Amino acid sequence: MQTKKSIDRAALVPDPNTGYLIPDYFGTANWAYSPPLRKFVDAMPGLGPSSTNALGQYIPIAAPDTTTYPGSDYYEIAVVEFTEQMHSDLPPTTLRGYVQLSTTAVPGAQITLTHNGAPIVKGDGTPAYGVDAPHYMGPAIIATRDVPVRIKFYNLLPTGAGGGLFIPVDTTVMGAGMGPLGMDAVPMDYTQNRANIHLHGNNTIWISDGTPHQWITPAGEDTPYPQGVSVVNVPDMENVDDPRDVYRPCTTPMHKVQG
């Protein structure tokens, strides 16, 4: 019988560059390899375009829509896959992060959102445009005490084979591989383009909190598991009976959220 110690030892392989033994589980190297990086050569990104660093990084500030739901700050936020250079000594890095979507009330810069050169479309087939371009750690929602914040959340990650994560995934971890239908499901495993939002440090009702079982998949994803078992729409928001699983809205007063 193999012990954990013997499995760990068997998973060590020589690094082709240094010769040192490094872990390699499940046939996929699970270490982060990057060249030596110089310290303190890049300024931290600041809030808004006026605080852009030399890499072009900044944290966008979300623009509230105060008319769609009077008395509330309303935002349409999507998760997308994009690239951004994180260090002067590195090429652009593939990331998954958030962007505020352009609407009639808040058009913004109307940036055409793309993935691998192709336009990103929403569940209704219309192109997705950003109030600003996607940036790591953005957009920041600057909220006001006692003013509710409403978010309609879109999962606009790639579907099908393109929706797989670009980093190694241990599918033996519960919730990462085979679903409850077992081998009767087609496809059998949970998809790797599931997404969720979560709010820390506030008195939030559970339907808006973003629990581990409130994830959604992109519209049009071929999966027997389109959403988590605890997904509940906010009752007074639009299209609550829409079957396309394109969003999970949340309503909650909060001080500040970075999407």
Protein backbone atom coordinates (compact mmCIF):
# COMPACT_ATOMS: atom_id res chain seq x y z
CA MET A 1 0.00 0.00 0.00
CA GLN A 2 1.37 3.39 -0.96
CA THR A 3 1.76 5.90 1.83
CA LYS A 4 1.50 9.65 1.46
CA LYS A 5 5.27 9.86 1.90
CA SER A 6 5.91 7.38 -0.93
CA ILE A 7 3.41 9.16 -3.21
CA ASP A 8 5.06 12.51 -2.50
CA ARG A 9 8.51 11.05 -3.23
CA ALA A 10 7.30 9.45 -6.49
CA ALA A 11 5.88 12.80 -7.61
CA LEU A 12 9.25 14.53 -7.51
CA VAL A 13 10.84 15.17 -10.91
CA PRO A 14 14.00 17.07 -11.86
CA ASP A 15 13.55 20.66 -12.99
CA PRO A 16 14.94 20.81 -16.56
CA ASN A 17 16.71 24.10 -15.83
CA THR A 18 18.13 23.61 -12.33
CA GLY A 19 18.16 19.84 -11.78
CA TYR A 20 16.43 20.28 -8.42
CA LEU A 21 13.62 17.87 -7.56
CA ILE A 22 10.23 19.54 -7.79
CA PRO A 23 6.65 18.22 -7.41
CA ASP A 24 4.74 16.92 -10.42
CA TYR A 25 1.36 15.45 -9.42
CA PHE A 26 -1.14 13.92 -11.87
CA GLY A 27 1.26 14.36 -14.78
CA THR A 28 1.00 18.14 -14.73
CA ALA A 29 3.63 20.29 -13.10
CA ASN A 30 2.04 22.10 -10.18
CA TRP A 31 4.62 24.77 -9.48
CA ALA A 32 4.76 28.30 -10.73
CA TYR A 33 7.79 28.86 -12.95
CA SER A 34 8.93 32.36 -13.73
CA PRO A 35 12.31 33.93 -14.37
CA PRO A 36 14.08 35.87 -11.63
CA LEU A 37 12.17 39.12 -11.14
CA ARG A 38 13.64 42.46 -10.17
CA LYS A 39 12.18 43.98 -7.02
CA PHE A 40 10.42 47.31 -6.74
CA VAL A 41 10.69 48.26 -10.42
CA ASP A 42 6.95 48.74 -11.00
CA ALA A 43 4.67 51.11 -9.13
CA MET A 44 1.46 49.71 -7.68
CA PRO A 45 -1.66 50.46 -9.75
CA GLY A 46 -3.82 53.20 -8.26
CA LEU A 47 -7.52 54.03 -8.43
CA GLY A 48 -8.64 55.33 -11.79
CA PRO A 49 -6.85 56.06 -15.09
CA SER A 50 -5.03 59.04 -13.57
CA SER A 51 -3.11 56.56 -11.38
CA THR A 52 -1.90 54.34 -14.24
CA ASN A 53 1.56 52.84 -13.76
CA ALA A 54 4.19 52.24 -16.44
CA LEU A 55 2.65 48.83 -17.27
CA GLY A 56 -0.72 50.39 -18.06
CA GLN A 57 -2.28 49.01 -14.87
CA TYR A 58 -4.85 50.81 -12.76
CA ILE A 59 -7.95 49.84 -10.80
CA PRO A 60 -11.09 51.08 -12.56
CA ILE A 61 -13.71 52.83 -10.43
CA ALA A 62 -17.21 51.52 -11.14
CA ALA A 63 -19.79 54.12 -12.17
CA PRO A 64 -23.15 53.72 -10.41
CA ASP A 65 -26.49 53.68 -12.20
CA THR A 66 -28.82 55.54 -9.84
CA THR A 67 -31.94 55.54 -12.06
CA THR A 68 -32.75 51.89 -12.81
CA TYR A 69 -33.46 51.14 -9.14
CA PRO A 70 -34.14 54.52 -7.50
CA GLY A 71 -32.50 54.82 -4.11
CA SER A 72 -29.85 52.21 -5.02
CA ASP A 73 -26.49 52.19 -6.75
CA TYR A 74 -26.82 49.60 -9.53
CA TYR A 75 -24.00 47.95 -11.48
CA GLU A 76 -23.77 45.25 -14.15
CA ILE A 77 -20.57 43.31 -13.56
CA ALA A 78 -19.16 40.43 -15.62
CA VAL A 79 -16.34 37.97 -15.13
CA VAL A 80 -14.20 37.64 -18.26
CA GLU A 81 -10.88 36.15 -19.30
CA PHE A 82 -8.23 38.67 -20.31
CA THR A 83 -4.50 39.34 -20.21
CA GLU A 84 -2.50 41.98 -18.39
CA GLN A 85 1.21 42.50 -17.84
CA MET A 86 1.92 42.10 -14.12
CA HIS A 87 5.68 42.87 -14.06
CA SER A 88 8.19 44.52 -16.36
CA ASP A 89 10.14 41.24 -16.59
CA LEU A 90 7.09 39.14 -17.55
CA PRO A 91 4.95 38.84 -20.67
CA PRO A 92 1.20 39.45 -20.31
CA THR A 93 -0.48 37.02 -17.91
CA THR A 94 -3.82 35.32 -18.58
CA LEU A 95 -6.30 36.25 -15.87
CA ARG A 96 -9.94 35.87 -14.99
CA GLY A 97 -11.47 38.95 -13.42
CA TYR A 98 -14.27 41.45 -13.38
CA VAL A 99 -15.36 44.30 -15.63
CA GLN A 100 -18.30 46.69 -15.47
CA LEU A 101 -20.61 46.30 -18.47
CA SER A 102 -21.84 49.28 -20.47
CA THR A 103 -25.57 49.96 -20.26
CA THR A 104 -27.84 52.66 -21.61
CA ALA A 105 -27.72 54.42 -18.25
CA VAL A 106 -23.94 54.01 -17.83
CA PRO A 107 -22.29 53.63 -21.27
CA GLY A 108 -18.76 54.56 -20.19
CA ALA A 109 -16.03 54.09 -22.79
CA GLN A 110 -17.93 51.19 -24.44
CA ILE A 111 -14.83 49.02 -24.78
CA THR A 112 -15.45 46.00 -27.04
CA LEU A 113 -14.78 42.95 -24.87
CA THR A 114 -13.02 40.12 -26.68
CA HIS A 115 -11.50 36.70 -26.01
CA ASN A 116 -8.76 35.47 -28.34
CA GLY A 117 -9.74 38.19 -30.79
CA ALA A 118 -13.43 37.23 -30.95
CA PRO A 119 -16.16 39.47 -29.49
CA ILE A 120 -17.66 38.31 -26.20
CA VAL A 121 -21.45 38.06 -26.36
CA LYS A 122 -24.02 37.93 -23.58
CA GLY A 123 -26.66 35.25 -23.19
CA ASP A 124 -29.08 37.14 -25.43
CA GLY A 125 -26.53 37.16 -28.26
CA THR A 126 -25.66 40.87 -28.03
CA PRO A 127 -22.01 41.98 -27.82
CA ALA A 128 -20.62 42.84 -24.39
CA TYR A 129 -19.05 46.27 -23.94
CA GLY A 130 -17.10 47.50 -20.95
CA VAL A 131 -17.42 50.81 -19.14
CA ASP A 132 -13.64 50.44 -18.96
CA ALA A 133 -11.18 47.74 -20.02
CA PRO A 134 -10.76 44.76 -17.67
CA HIS A 135 -7.97 45.26 -15.13
CA TYR A 136 -6.68 43.13 -12.28
CA MET A 137 -8.40 44.00 -8.98
CA GLY A 138 -11.09 46.05 -10.66
CA PRO A 139 -13.55 47.55 -10.80
CA ALA A 140 -13.75 49.09 -7.32
CA ILE A 141 -17.24 49.97 -6.12
CA ILE A 142 -17.14 53.03 -3.89
CA ALA A 143 -20.31 52.72 -1.82
CA THR A 144 -22.08 55.04 0.59
CA ARG A 145 -23.31 54.02 4.01
CA ASP A 146 -27.02 53.11 4.05
CA VAL A 147 -27.31 53.25 0.22
CA PRO A 148 -28.11 49.77 -1.15
CA VAL A 149 -25.84 48.39 -3.87
CA ARG A 150 -27.34 46.12 -6.51
CA ILE A 151 -25.26 43.97 -8.85
CA LYS A 152 -26.39 41.97 -11.86
CA PHE A 153 -23.60 39.45 -12.32
CA TYR A 154 -22.79 37.90 -15.72
CA ASN A 155 -20.54 34.90 -16.27
CA LEU A 156 -18.94 35.68 -19.65
CA LEU A 157 -16.10 33.18 -19.49
CA PRO A 158 -15.43 30.97 -22.54
CA THR A 159 -17.59 27.88 -22.99
CA GLY A 160 -16.75 24.34 -24.06
CA ALA A 161 -13.09 23.32 -24.21
CA GLY A 162 -12.06 26.97 -24.04
CA GLY A 163 -13.69 27.26 -20.64
CA GLY A 164 -11.10 25.02 -18.98
CA LEU A 165 -8.76 26.70 -16.53
CA PHE A 166 -5.29 27.58 -17.80
CA ILE A 167 -3.67 26.29 -14.59
CA PRO A 168 -3.56 22.67 -13.35
CA VAL A 169 -6.77 21.50 -11.67
CA ASP A 170 -6.90 18.64 -9.17
CA THR A 171 -10.19 17.00 -10.17
CA THR A 172 -9.96 14.56 -7.24
CA VAL A 173 -10.99 17.39 -4.89
CA MET A 174 -14.70 17.25 -4.10
CA GLY A 175 -16.60 19.67 -6.31
CA ALA A 176 -13.86 19.93 -8.92
CA GLY A 177 -14.41 16.75 -10.93
CA MET A 178 -17.32 14.34 -11.18
CA GLY A 179 -20.71 15.68 -10.14
CA PRO A 180 -23.49 13.94 -8.19
CA LEU A 181 -24.88 12.25 -11.32
CA GLY A 182 -21.63 10.32 -11.64
CA MET A 183 -20.85 8.71 -14.98
CA ASP A 184 -24.48 9.10 -16.08
CA ALA A 185 -23.85 12.80 -16.66
CA VAL A 186 -22.73 14.07 -20.07
CA PRO A 187 -20.31 15.77 -19.71
CA MET A 188 -19.39 13.92 -16.54
CA ASP A 189 -17.41 16.60 -14.65
CA TYR A 190 -18.26 20.03 -13.40
CA THR A 191 -17.04 22.71 -15.80
CA GLN A 192 -14.05 24.88 -14.94
CA ASN A 193 -15.73 28.11 -15.97
CA ARG A 194 -18.04 28.35 -12.98
CA ALA A 195 -18.00 31.70 -11.23
CA ASN A 196 -19.37 33.32 -8.11
CA ILE A 197 -19.19 36.57 -6.19
CA HIS A 198 -18.77 36.90 -2.44
CA LEU A 199 -19.01 39.74 0.03
CA HIS A 200 -16.86 39.85 3.17
CA GLY A 201 -17.44 41.79 6.36
CA ASN A 202 -21.05 42.86 6.10
CA ASN A 203 -24.51 41.93 7.34
CA THR A 204 -25.74 40.33 4.11
CA ILE A 205 -28.73 38.12 3.45
CA TRP A 206 -27.65 34.66 2.30
CA ILE A 207 -29.05 34.87 -1.23
CA SER A 208 -26.65 37.75 -1.89
CA ASP A 209 -23.64 36.48 0.03
CA GLY A 210 -22.12 34.23 -2.62
CA THR A 211 -21.87 30.93 -0.78
CA PRO A 212 -19.83 28.00 -2.24
CA HIS A 213 -23.01 26.64 -3.85
CA GLN A 214 -24.16 29.85 -5.58
CA TRP A 215 -21.93 29.58 -8.66
CA ILE A 216 -23.20 29.89 -12.23
CA THR A 217 -21.86 28.77 -15.61
CA PRO A 218 -21.93 30.89 -18.79
CA ALA A 219 -25.08 30.96 -20.88
CA GLY A 220 -24.98 28.22 -23.50
CA GLU A 221 -22.56 25.98 -21.61
CA ASP A 222 -23.15 22.27 -22.33
CA THR A 223 -23.39 20.88 -18.81
CA PRO A 224 -25.90 19.05 -16.61
CA TYR A 225 -24.76 21.39 -13.83
CA PRO A 226 -25.57 24.94 -15.03
CA GLN A 227 -25.66 26.45 -11.56
CA GLY A 228 -25.10 25.68 -7.90
CA VAL A 229 -27.91 24.30 -5.77
CA SER A 230 -28.22 27.49 -3.69
CA VAL A 231 -28.61 30.02 -6.52
CA VAL A 232 -31.52 32.35 -5.70
CA ASN A 233 -32.40 35.51 -7.57
CA VAL A 234 -33.18 38.72 -5.70
CA PRO A 235 -37.01 38.79 -5.82
CA ASP A 236 -37.53 42.35 -7.06
CA MET A 237 -34.94 42.35 -9.84
CA GLU A 238 -35.78 41.90 -13.50
CA ASN A 239 -36.06 38.61 -15.43
CA VAL A 240 -36.17 36.41 -12.37
CA ASP A 241 -37.69 33.62 -14.44
CA ASP A 242 -35.13 33.84 -17.27
CA PRO A 243 -33.98 30.21 -17.83
CA ARG A 244 -30.66 31.08 -19.52
CA ASP A 245 -28.66 31.23 -16.29
CA VAL A 246 -26.84 34.35 -17.43
CA TYR A 247 -26.72 36.07 -14.10
CA ARG A 248 -27.19 35.90 -10.36
CA PRO A 249 -28.06 39.36 -9.05
CA CYS A 250 -27.48 40.44 -5.46
CA THR A 251 -28.87 43.26 -3.41
CA THR A 252 -27.15 44.44 -0.27
CA PRO A 253 -26.01 47.61 1.45
CA MET A 254 -22.22 47.62 1.61
CA HIS A 255 -19.39 50.02 2.18
CA LYS A 256 -16.94 48.97 -0.51
CA VAL A 257 -16.53 46.01 -2.84
CA GLN A 258 -13.70 45.24 -5.23
CA GLY A 259 -15.11 42.94 -7.88
